[in-house]
Amino acid sequence: MTVEELLAEARSSLNRLTPHEAAAVRDDGGLLVDIRYAALRDRDGLVPGALIIERNELEWRLDPACDHRAAEADRHDLRVVVICNEGYASSLAAVSLRQLGLRHATDLAGGFQAWREAGLPVEKAEAEGGAKAEGER
C-alpha cells in the first residue's frame, strides 16, 4: 500500500469538515485539536480555542482511558476535529483516534491553511515559554 492509498482509505471513513463546519463544532462544545509543530504555529498563528497537542502525543492525550489524557478528553463521544497544516496528517490522526473509540473524531479538510483562507480568526502564537498548551505536512 502506498501513502496515497493509506490516505484515501483513511478519508473514506471520515466526514471531513470545512473550516466553517469545524468552527461550528467548536462553538457547540466540540474540541479542535491542532497537531502542527511549533514552527508552523509560530509562523502562521493559532486557531482560537484549539487545544495544541503535537502529533506524537495525540493518542495519549485524547484517550479518555489514559492517565496522561488532557482534561478535555473526558469521554468517547466527544466531537474532535484534528487540524494539521494542509489536511493530510490530520486524516491519519483522526482515524487513529477513532481506533481508540473516539467515534466522532474527524479532521479539517485543507487544515490550518484552509481555516485562514476562509477568513476565520487566527491568533498570534505566544512567545516560546509562554505557549498556550502542549506541543506536518
C-alpha atoms as a PDB file:
ATOM      1  CA  MET A   1       0.000   0.000   0.000  1.00  0.00           C
ATOM      2  CA  THR A   2       1.287   3.494  -0.800  1.00  0.00           C
ATOM      3  CA  VAL A   3       0.842   6.506   1.450  1.00  0.00           C
ATOM      4  CA  GLU A   4      -1.695   7.904  -1.031  1.00  0.00           C
ATOM      5  CA  GLU A   5      -3.715   4.676  -0.775  1.00  0.00           C
ATOM      6  CA  LEU A   6      -3.475   4.777   3.010  1.00  0.00           C
ATOM      7  CA  LEU A   7      -4.696   8.371   2.995  1.00  0.00           C
ATOM      8  CA  ALA A   8      -7.588   7.563   0.644  1.00  0.00           C
ATOM      9  CA  GLU A   9      -8.619   4.650   2.868  1.00  0.00           C
ATOM     10  CA  ALA A  10      -8.471   6.847   5.971  1.00  0.00           C
ATOM     11  CA  ARG A  11     -10.539   9.579   4.376  1.00  0.00           C
ATOM     12  CA  SER A  12     -13.176   7.124   3.173  1.00  0.00           C
ATOM     13  CA  SER A  13     -14.167   6.579   6.809  1.00  0.00           C
ATOM     14  CA  LEU A  14     -14.254  10.272   7.768  1.00  0.00           C
ATOM     15  CA  ASN A  15     -16.813  13.014   7.339  1.00  0.00           C
ATOM     16  CA  ARG A  16     -14.184  15.709   6.825  1.00  0.00           C
ATOM     17  CA  LEU A  17     -15.247  19.228   7.748  1.00  0.00           C
ATOM     18  CA  THR A  18     -14.931  22.612   6.117  1.00  0.00           C
ATOM     19  CA  PRO A  19     -13.436  25.432   8.186  1.00  0.00           C
ATOM     20  CA  HIS A  20     -16.879  26.866   8.967  1.00  0.00           C
ATOM     21  CA  GLU A  21     -18.195  23.442   9.987  1.00  0.00           C
ATOM     22  CA  ALA A  22     -15.179  22.967  12.274  1.00  0.00           C
ATOM     23  CA  ALA A  23     -15.828  26.365  13.857  1.00  0.00           C
ATOM     24  CA  ALA A  24     -19.438  25.326  14.480  1.00  0.00           C
ATOM     25  CA  VAL A  25     -18.270  22.114  16.193  1.00  0.00           C
ATOM     26  CA  ARG A  26     -16.052  24.210  18.482  1.00  0.00           C
ATOM     27  CA  ASP A  27     -18.907  26.617  19.186  1.00  0.00           C
ATOM     28  CA  ASP A  28     -21.155  23.654  20.083  1.00  0.00           C
ATOM     29  CA  GLY A  29     -18.685  22.341  22.673  1.00  0.00           C
ATOM     30  CA  GLY A  30     -16.560  20.095  20.466  1.00  0.00           C
ATOM     31  CA  LEU A  31     -12.793  20.059  20.564  1.00  0.00           C
ATOM     32  CA  LEU A  32     -10.487  21.423  17.878  1.00  0.00           C
ATOM     33  CA  VAL A  33      -7.019  19.880  18.196  1.00  0.00           C
ATOM     34  CA  ASP A  34      -4.052  21.495  16.466  1.00  0.00           C
ATOM     35  CA  ILE A  35      -1.332  18.895  15.805  1.00  0.00           C
ATOM     36  CA  ARG A  36       1.027  21.211  13.890  1.00  0.00           C
ATOM     37  CA  TYR A  37       4.540  21.522  15.184  1.00  0.00           C
ATOM     38  CA  ALA A  38       5.686  24.687  16.959  1.00  0.00           C
ATOM     39  CA  ALA A  39       7.476  26.270  13.997  1.00  0.00           C
ATOM     40  CA  LEU A  40       4.252  26.288  11.956  1.00  0.00           C
ATOM     41  CA  ARG A  41       2.215  27.648  14.842  1.00  0.00           C
ATOM     42  CA  ASP A  42       4.816  30.363  15.416  1.00  0.00           C
ATOM     43  CA  ARG A  43       4.910  31.234  11.717  1.00  0.00           C
ATOM     44  CA  ASP A  44       1.197  31.154  10.926  1.00  0.00           C
ATOM     45  CA  GLY A  45      -0.655  31.565  14.199  1.00  0.00           C
ATOM     46  CA  LEU A  46      -3.282  29.606  16.112  1.00  0.00           C
ATOM     47  CA  VAL A  47      -6.934  28.703  15.763  1.00  0.00           C
ATOM     48  CA  PRO A  48      -8.680  30.383  18.708  1.00  0.00           C
ATOM     49  CA  GLY A  49      -9.846  27.835  21.247  1.00  0.00           C
ATOM     50  CA  ALA A  50      -7.933  24.909  19.738  1.00  0.00           C
ATOM     51  CA  LEU A  51      -6.087  22.546  22.044  1.00  0.00           C
ATOM     52  CA  ILE A  52      -2.463  22.192  20.981  1.00  0.00           C
ATOM     53  CA  ILE A  53      -1.190  18.629  21.046  1.00  0.00           C
ATOM     54  CA  GLU A  54       1.654  17.730  18.754  1.00  0.00           C
ATOM     55  CA  ARG A  55       1.095  14.607  16.694  1.00  0.00           C
ATOM     56  CA  ASN A  56       3.476  12.371  18.657  1.00  0.00           C
ATOM     57  CA  GLU A  57       1.374  12.811  21.845  1.00  0.00           C
ATOM     58  CA  LEU A  58      -2.093  12.783  20.331  1.00  0.00           C
ATOM     59  CA  GLU A  59      -3.332   9.314  21.287  1.00  0.00           C
ATOM     60  CA  TRP A  60      -2.073   9.554  24.878  1.00  0.00           C
ATOM     61  CA  ARG A  61      -3.592  12.991  25.408  1.00  0.00           C
ATOM     62  CA  LEU A  62      -7.012  12.224  23.884  1.00  0.00           C
ATOM     63  CA  ASP A  63      -7.677   8.659  25.064  1.00  0.00           C
ATOM     64  CA  PRO A  64     -10.308   9.068  27.808  1.00  0.00           C
ATOM     65  CA  ALA A  65      -8.951   5.924  29.489  1.00  0.00           C
ATOM     66  CA  CYS A  66      -5.346   7.148  29.658  1.00  0.00           C
ATOM     67  CA  ASP A  67      -3.750   8.551  32.811  1.00  0.00           C
ATOM     68  CA  HIS A  68      -1.992  11.183  30.657  1.00  0.00           C
ATOM     69  CA  ARG A  69      -5.093  12.484  28.922  1.00  0.00           C
ATOM     70  CA  ALA A  70      -5.953  16.148  28.561  1.00  0.00           C
ATOM     71  CA  ALA A  71      -8.744  17.263  30.875  1.00  0.00           C
ATOM     72  CA  GLU A  72     -10.952  17.954  27.855  1.00  0.00           C
ATOM     73  CA  ALA A  73     -10.738  14.308  26.699  1.00  0.00           C
ATOM     74  CA  ASP A  74     -13.236  13.016  29.212  1.00  0.00           C
ATOM     75  CA  ARG A  75     -15.481  10.800  27.076  1.00  0.00           C
ATOM     76  CA  HIS A  76     -15.521   8.717  23.921  1.00  0.00           C
ATOM     77  CA  ASP A  77     -18.459  10.578  22.354  1.00  0.00           C
ATOM     78  CA  LEU A  78     -16.558  13.878  22.308  1.00  0.00           C
ATOM     79  CA  ARG A  79     -16.592  15.596  18.923  1.00  0.00           C
ATOM     80  CA  VAL A  80     -12.945  16.049  17.945  1.00  0.00           C
ATOM     81  CA  VAL A  81     -11.688  17.859  14.849  1.00  0.00           C
ATOM     82  CA  VAL A  82      -7.985  17.370  14.161  1.00  0.00           C
ATOM     83  CA  ILE A  83      -6.151  20.207  12.413  1.00  0.00           C
ATOM     84  CA  CYS A  84      -2.781  19.925  10.709  1.00  0.00           C
ATOM     85  CA  ASN A  85      -1.203  22.360   8.271  1.00  0.00           C
ATOM     86  CA  GLU A  86      -2.829  21.293   4.993  1.00  0.00           C
ATOM     87  CA  GLY A  87      -5.184  18.447   5.898  1.00  0.00           C
ATOM     88  CA  TYR A  88      -3.066  15.357   5.269  1.00  0.00           C
ATOM     89  CA  ALA A  89      -1.615  14.174   8.584  1.00  0.00           C
ATOM     90  CA  SER A  90      -4.877  15.117  10.300  1.00  0.00           C
ATOM     91  CA  SER A  91      -6.793  12.496   8.326  1.00  0.00           C
ATOM     92  CA  LEU A  92      -4.472   9.725   9.507  1.00  0.00           C
ATOM     93  CA  ALA A  93      -4.560  11.095  13.056  1.00  0.00           C
ATOM     94  CA  ALA A  94      -8.368  11.205  13.118  1.00  0.00           C
ATOM     95  CA  VAL A  95      -8.559   7.551  12.093  1.00  0.00           C
ATOM     96  CA  SER A  96      -6.141   6.672  14.881  1.00  0.00           C
ATOM     97  CA  LEU A  97      -8.414   8.450  17.368  1.00  0.00           C
ATOM     98  CA  ARG A  98     -11.396   6.527  16.033  1.00  0.00           C
ATOM     99  CA  GLN A  99      -9.491   3.310  16.668  1.00  0.00           C
ATOM    100  CA  LEU A 100      -9.246   4.435  20.320  1.00  0.00           C
ATOM    101  CA  GLY A 101     -13.030   4.704  20.463  1.00  0.00           C
ATOM    102  CA  LEU A 102     -13.437   8.430  19.760  1.00  0.00           C
ATOM    103  CA  ARG A 103     -16.164   7.676  17.243  1.00  0.00           C
ATOM    104  CA  HIS A 104     -16.833  11.296  16.279  1.00  0.00           C
ATOM    105  CA  ALA A 105     -13.205  12.163  15.511  1.00  0.00           C
ATOM    106  CA  THR A 106     -12.617  13.720  12.102  1.00  0.00           C
ATOM    107  CA  ASP A 107     -10.388  16.348  10.544  1.00  0.00           C
ATOM    108  CA  LEU A 108     -10.421  19.732   8.888  1.00  0.00           C
ATOM    109  CA  ALA A 109     -10.181  19.430   5.102  1.00  0.00           C
ATOM    110  CA  GLY A 110      -7.344  21.689   3.966  1.00  0.00           C
ATOM    111  CA  GLY A 111      -6.046  22.100   7.517  1.00  0.00           C
ATOM    112  CA  PHE A 112      -4.976  25.368   9.089  1.00  0.00           C
ATOM    113  CA  GLN A 113      -4.302  26.886   5.681  1.00  0.00           C
ATOM    114  CA  ALA A 114      -7.960  26.386   4.684  1.00  0.00           C
ATOM    115  CA  TRP A 115      -9.075  27.874   8.020  1.00  0.00           C
ATOM    116  CA  ARG A 116      -7.020  31.005   7.377  1.00  0.00           C
ATOM    117  CA  GLU A 117      -8.088  31.238   3.711  1.00  0.00           C
ATOM    118  CA  ALA A 118     -11.740  31.054   4.823  1.00  0.00           C
ATOM    119  CA  GLY A 119     -11.152  34.290   6.755  1.00  0.00           C
ATOM    120  CA  LEU A 120     -11.743  32.705  10.155  1.00  0.00           C
ATOM    121  CA  PRO A 121      -9.951  34.186  13.180  1.00  0.00           C
ATOM    122  CA  VAL A 122      -6.293  33.426  13.773  1.00  0.00           C
ATOM    123  CA  GLU A 123      -4.393  34.356  16.923  1.00  0.00           C
ATOM    124  CA  LYS A 124      -0.735  35.173  17.049  1.00  0.00           C
ATOM    125  CA  ALA A 125       1.279  32.389  18.695  1.00  0.00           C
ATOM    126  CA  GLU A 126       2.723  33.337  22.059  1.00  0.00           C
ATOM    127  CA  ALA A 127       6.470  33.566  22.507  1.00  0.00           C
ATOM    128  CA  GLU A 128       8.491  30.464  23.428  1.00  0.00           C
ATOM    129  CA  GLY A 129       7.935  29.626  27.079  1.00  0.00           C
ATOM    130  CA  GLY A 130       4.517  31.236  27.022  1.00  0.00           C
ATOM    131  CA  ALA A 131       2.838  28.601  24.937  1.00  0.00           C
ATOM    132  CA  LYS A 132      -0.901  28.137  25.395  1.00  0.00           C
ATOM    133  CA  ALA A 133      -0.743  24.351  25.733  1.00  0.00           C
ATOM    134  CA  GLU A 134       1.462  21.393  24.833  1.00  0.00           C
ATOM    135  CA  GLY A 135       3.131  20.859  21.903  1.00  0.00           C
ATOM    136  CA  GLU A 136       3.241  18.029   9.186  1.00  0.00           C
ATOM    137  CA  ARG A 137       2.838  18.066   6.070  1.00  0.00           C
END
